[in-house]
């Protein structure tokens, strides 16, 4: 998947920003190699353009990079952010892009809550923060690098 994003961002004739990298848009081929799909929200730019312009916000709630909300320049980094959310969901084993409901209103994403908890554990130098970030169904059986 990362190779595919690198290709459309840096090697393809035109500059492509996918804008909607999420699990539903990642397919597996016969050898279980990931393939990027659904370029419906993608934007195509000429390589020499420095600041691409978008007329509207693109993406799926829970996967959208902060640049969209903060009105910052949109670059391939929005796809990298989306991909990071997908990787965290894969490692954690849950949908972090879901929203937390409080008093019937959406407050924050599971991702925001998860990252805040991990950050707190890292800052307090808790040794077990890695185990908390990994899918509990693995029962602690994973490679630590």
C-alpha atoms as a PDB file:
ATOM      1  CA  UNK A   1       0.000   0.000   0.000  1.00  0.00           C
ATOM      2  CA  UNK A   2       2.782   2.428   0.912  1.00  0.00           C
ATOM      3  CA  UNK A   3       4.494   1.689  -2.419  1.00  0.00           C
ATOM      4  CA  UNK A   4       1.269   2.487  -4.262  1.00  0.00           C
ATOM      5  CA  UNK A   5       0.885   5.813  -2.483  1.00  0.00           C
ATOM      6  CA  UNK A   6       4.531   6.666  -3.129  1.00  0.00           C
ATOM      7  CA  UNK A   7       3.977   5.891  -6.810  1.00  0.00           C
ATOM      8  CA  UNK A   8       0.932   8.153  -7.263  1.00  0.00           C
ATOM      9  CA  UNK A   9       2.559  10.887  -5.176  1.00  0.00           C
ATOM     10  CA  UNK A  10       6.059  10.894  -6.671  1.00  0.00           C
ATOM     11  CA  UNK A  11       6.472   8.692  -9.761  1.00  0.00           C
ATOM     12  CA  UNK A  12       3.252   8.926 -11.738  1.00  0.00           C
ATOM     13  CA  UNK A  13       3.265  11.340 -14.674  1.00  0.00           C
ATOM     14  CA  UNK A  14       0.763  13.606 -12.910  1.00  0.00           C
ATOM     15  CA  UNK A  15       0.524  14.312  -9.190  1.00  0.00           C
ATOM     16  CA  UNK A  16      -2.399  12.409  -7.628  1.00  0.00           C
ATOM     17  CA  UNK A  17      -3.821  12.992  -4.166  1.00  0.00           C
ATOM     18  CA  UNK A  18      -6.230  10.137  -3.358  1.00  0.00           C
ATOM     19  CA  UNK A  19      -8.039  11.995  -0.517  1.00  0.00           C
ATOM     20  CA  UNK A  20      -9.872   8.896   0.740  1.00  0.00           C
ATOM     21  CA  UNK A  21      -7.446   6.190   1.885  1.00  0.00           C
ATOM     22  CA  UNK A  22      -9.419   3.891   4.191  1.00  0.00           C
ATOM     23  CA  UNK A  23      -9.785   0.108   4.626  1.00  0.00           C
ATOM     24  CA  UNK A  24     -12.690  -0.108   2.176  1.00  0.00           C
ATOM     25  CA  UNK A  25     -10.467   1.377  -0.549  1.00  0.00           C
ATOM     26  CA  UNK A  26      -7.622  -1.104  -0.096  1.00  0.00           C
ATOM     27  CA  UNK A  27      -8.001  -4.331  -2.061  1.00  0.00           C
ATOM     28  CA  UNK A  28      -5.892  -7.499  -1.977  1.00  0.00           C
ATOM     29  CA  UNK A  29      -4.778  -9.350  -5.105  1.00  0.00           C
ATOM     30  CA  UNK A  30      -4.173 -13.108  -5.466  1.00  0.00           C
ATOM     31  CA  UNK A  31      -0.838 -12.861  -3.613  1.00  0.00           C
ATOM     32  CA  UNK A  32      -2.384 -10.709  -0.845  1.00  0.00           C
ATOM     33  CA  UNK A  33      -0.606  -7.605  -2.141  1.00  0.00           C
ATOM     34  CA  UNK A  34      -2.543  -4.439  -1.376  1.00  0.00           C
ATOM     35  CA  UNK A  35      -3.926  -2.292  -4.190  1.00  0.00           C
ATOM     36  CA  UNK A  36      -5.363   1.209  -3.941  1.00  0.00           C
ATOM     37  CA  UNK A  37      -8.915   1.466  -5.259  1.00  0.00           C
ATOM     38  CA  UNK A  38     -11.726   4.017  -5.588  1.00  0.00           C
ATOM     39  CA  UNK A  39     -10.118   7.133  -6.968  1.00  0.00           C
ATOM     40  CA  UNK A  40     -13.533   8.841  -7.032  1.00  0.00           C
ATOM     41  CA  UNK A  41     -12.420  11.671  -4.720  1.00  0.00           C
ATOM     42  CA  UNK A  42      -8.857  11.798  -6.047  1.00  0.00           C
ATOM     43  CA  UNK A  43      -7.481  15.017  -7.455  1.00  0.00           C
ATOM     44  CA  UNK A  44      -5.031  15.112 -10.361  1.00  0.00           C
ATOM     45  CA  UNK A  45      -2.500  17.958 -10.612  1.00  0.00           C
ATOM     46  CA  UNK A  46       0.373  18.899 -12.853  1.00  0.00           C
ATOM     47  CA  UNK A  47       3.721  18.244 -11.167  1.00  0.00           C
ATOM     48  CA  UNK A  48       4.835  21.892 -11.338  1.00  0.00           C
ATOM     49  CA  UNK A  49       1.883  23.194  -9.286  1.00  0.00           C
ATOM     50  CA  UNK A  50       3.007  24.155  -5.811  1.00  0.00           C
ATOM     51  CA  UNK A  51      -0.331  24.771  -4.072  1.00  0.00           C
ATOM     52  CA  UNK A  52      -3.191  22.676  -5.386  1.00  0.00           C
ATOM     53  CA  UNK A  53      -6.626  24.169  -4.872  1.00  0.00           C
ATOM     54  CA  UNK A  54      -9.686  22.275  -3.726  1.00  0.00           C
ATOM     55  CA  UNK A  55     -13.231  23.576  -3.987  1.00  0.00           C
ATOM     56  CA  UNK A  56     -14.512  21.359  -1.174  1.00  0.00           C
ATOM     57  CA  UNK A  57     -13.387  19.044   1.603  1.00  0.00           C
ATOM     58  CA  UNK A  58     -12.761  15.497   0.377  1.00  0.00           C
ATOM     59  CA  UNK A  59     -12.544  12.278   2.339  1.00  0.00           C
ATOM     60  CA  UNK A  60     -14.272  10.156   4.927  1.00  0.00           C
ATOM     61  CA  UNK A  61     -15.019  11.367   8.428  1.00  0.00           C
ATOM     62  CA  UNK A  62     -12.544   9.837  10.866  1.00  0.00           C
ATOM     63  CA  UNK A  63      -9.803   9.516   8.250  1.00  0.00           C
ATOM     64  CA  UNK A  64      -9.513  13.142   7.154  1.00  0.00           C
ATOM     65  CA  UNK A  65      -6.253  14.889   7.975  1.00  0.00           C
ATOM     66  CA  UNK A  66      -6.286  18.008  10.182  1.00  0.00           C
ATOM     67  CA  UNK A  67      -5.257  20.123   7.180  1.00  0.00           C
ATOM     68  CA  UNK A  68      -8.838  20.007   5.905  1.00  0.00           C
ATOM     69  CA  UNK A  69     -10.326  21.448   9.112  1.00  0.00           C
ATOM     70  CA  UNK A  70      -7.526  23.963   9.666  1.00  0.00           C
ATOM     71  CA  UNK A  71      -7.633  25.276   6.081  1.00  0.00           C
ATOM     72  CA  UNK A  72      -3.951  24.419   5.553  1.00  0.00           C
ATOM     73  CA  UNK A  73      -2.388  23.587   2.172  1.00  0.00           C
ATOM     74  CA  UNK A  74      -3.466  20.162   0.946  1.00  0.00           C
ATOM     75  CA  UNK A  75      -0.574  17.943  -0.137  1.00  0.00           C
ATOM     76  CA  UNK A  76       0.098  14.222  -0.387  1.00  0.00           C
ATOM     77  CA  UNK A  77       0.487  14.315   3.398  1.00  0.00           C
ATOM     78  CA  UNK A  78      -3.303  14.013   3.734  1.00  0.00           C
ATOM     79  CA  UNK A  79      -3.024  10.536   2.170  1.00  0.00           C
ATOM     80  CA  UNK A  80      -0.143   9.688   4.511  1.00  0.00           C
ATOM     81  CA  UNK A  81      -2.323  10.704   7.487  1.00  0.00           C
ATOM     82  CA  UNK A  82      -5.185   8.508   6.172  1.00  0.00           C
ATOM     83  CA  UNK A  83      -2.766   5.604   5.750  1.00  0.00           C
ATOM     84  CA  UNK A  84      -1.489   6.108   9.306  1.00  0.00           C
ATOM     85  CA  UNK A  85      -5.034   5.793  10.652  1.00  0.00           C
ATOM     86  CA  UNK A  86      -5.475   2.569   8.643  1.00  0.00           C
ATOM     87  CA  UNK A  87      -2.204   1.149  10.051  1.00  0.00           C
ATOM     88  CA  UNK A  88      -3.195   2.053  13.622  1.00  0.00           C
ATOM     89  CA  UNK A  89      -6.559   0.345  13.099  1.00  0.00           C
ATOM     90  CA  UNK A  90      -4.787  -2.742  11.775  1.00  0.00           C
ATOM     91  CA  UNK A  91      -2.395  -2.880  14.734  1.00  0.00           C
ATOM     92  CA  UNK A  92      -5.049  -2.098  17.352  1.00  0.00           C
ATOM     93  CA  UNK A  93      -7.658  -4.389  15.797  1.00  0.00           C
ATOM     94  CA  UNK A  94     -10.528  -1.895  16.084  1.00  0.00           C
ATOM     95  CA  UNK A  95     -12.033   0.943  14.029  1.00  0.00           C
ATOM     96  CA  UNK A  96     -10.329   4.012  15.452  1.00  0.00           C
ATOM     97  CA  UNK A  97     -12.102   6.201  12.913  1.00  0.00           C
ATOM     98  CA  UNK A  98     -15.447   5.760  14.698  1.00  0.00           C
ATOM     99  CA  UNK A  99     -16.759   8.690  16.695  1.00  0.00           C
ATOM    100  CA  UNK A 100     -17.267   8.635  20.463  1.00  0.00           C
ATOM    101  CA  UNK A 101     -20.812   9.578  21.436  1.00  0.00           C
ATOM    102  CA  UNK A 102     -21.348  11.531  24.626  1.00  0.00           C
ATOM    103  CA  UNK A 103     -24.866  12.674  25.571  1.00  0.00           C
ATOM    104  CA  UNK A 104     -25.987  11.701  22.073  1.00  0.00           C
ATOM    105  CA  UNK A 105     -23.448  13.982  20.357  1.00  0.00           C
ATOM    106  CA  UNK A 106     -20.253  13.119  18.513  1.00  0.00           C
ATOM    107  CA  UNK A 107     -17.341  14.370  20.613  1.00  0.00           C
ATOM    108  CA  UNK A 108     -14.139  12.935  19.171  1.00  0.00           C
ATOM    109  CA  UNK A 109     -12.886   9.987  17.210  1.00  0.00           C
ATOM    110  CA  UNK A 110     -11.697   6.801  18.861  1.00  0.00           C
ATOM    111  CA  UNK A 111      -8.349   7.680  17.255  1.00  0.00           C
ATOM    112  CA  UNK A 112      -8.103  10.963  19.170  1.00  0.00           C
ATOM    113  CA  UNK A 113      -9.006   9.217  22.424  1.00  0.00           C
ATOM    114  CA  UNK A 114      -6.578   6.361  21.712  1.00  0.00           C
ATOM    115  CA  UNK A 115      -3.668   8.675  20.838  1.00  0.00           C
ATOM    116  CA  UNK A 116      -4.293  10.851  23.898  1.00  0.00           C
ATOM    117  CA  UNK A 117      -4.154   7.744  26.132  1.00  0.00           C
ATOM    118  CA  UNK A 118      -0.959   6.447  24.474  1.00  0.00           C
ATOM    119  CA  UNK A 119       0.690   9.886  24.708  1.00  0.00           C
ATOM    120  CA  UNK A 120      -0.150  10.084  28.412  1.00  0.00           C
ATOM    121  CA  UNK A 121       1.344   6.620  29.008  1.00  0.00           C
ATOM    122  CA  UNK A 122       4.511   7.454  27.070  1.00  0.00           C
ATOM    123  CA  UNK A 123       4.973  10.730  28.950  1.00  0.00           C
ATOM    124  CA  UNK A 124       4.489   8.973  32.283  1.00  0.00           C
ATOM    125  CA  UNK A 125       7.083   6.440  31.091  1.00  0.00           C
ATOM    126  CA  UNK A 126       4.736   3.480  31.464  1.00  0.00           C
ATOM    127  CA  UNK A 127       6.552   0.446  30.145  1.00  0.00           C
ATOM    128  CA  UNK A 128       3.411  -1.397  29.028  1.00  0.00           C
ATOM    129  CA  UNK A 129       2.086   1.270  26.629  1.00  0.00           C
ATOM    130  CA  UNK A 130       3.024  -0.840  23.593  1.00  0.00           C
ATOM    131  CA  UNK A 131       0.907  -3.769  24.784  1.00  0.00           C
ATOM    132  CA  UNK A 132      -2.034  -1.371  25.198  1.00  0.00           C
ATOM    133  CA  UNK A 133      -1.613  -0.197  21.589  1.00  0.00           C
ATOM    134  CA  UNK A 134      -1.682  -3.720  20.097  1.00  0.00           C
ATOM    135  CA  UNK A 135      -4.719  -5.888  19.359  1.00  0.00           C
ATOM    136  CA  UNK A 136      -5.572  -7.704  22.615  1.00  0.00           C
ATOM    137  CA  UNK A 137      -6.495 -10.839  20.643  1.00  0.00           C
ATOM    138  CA  UNK A 138      -2.754 -11.380  20.080  1.00  0.00           C
ATOM    139  CA  UNK A 139      -2.367 -12.040  23.829  1.00  0.00           C
ATOM    140  CA  UNK A 140       0.984 -10.255  23.844  1.00  0.00           C
ATOM    141  CA  UNK A 141       2.399 -12.539  21.147  1.00  0.00           C
ATOM    142  CA  UNK A 142       4.009 -10.139  18.668  1.00  0.00           C
ATOM    143  CA  UNK A 143       7.534  -9.166  17.658  1.00  0.00           C
ATOM    144  CA  UNK A 144       9.057  -6.269  19.557  1.00  0.00           C
ATOM    145  CA  UNK A 145      11.703  -4.491  17.543  1.00  0.00           C
END
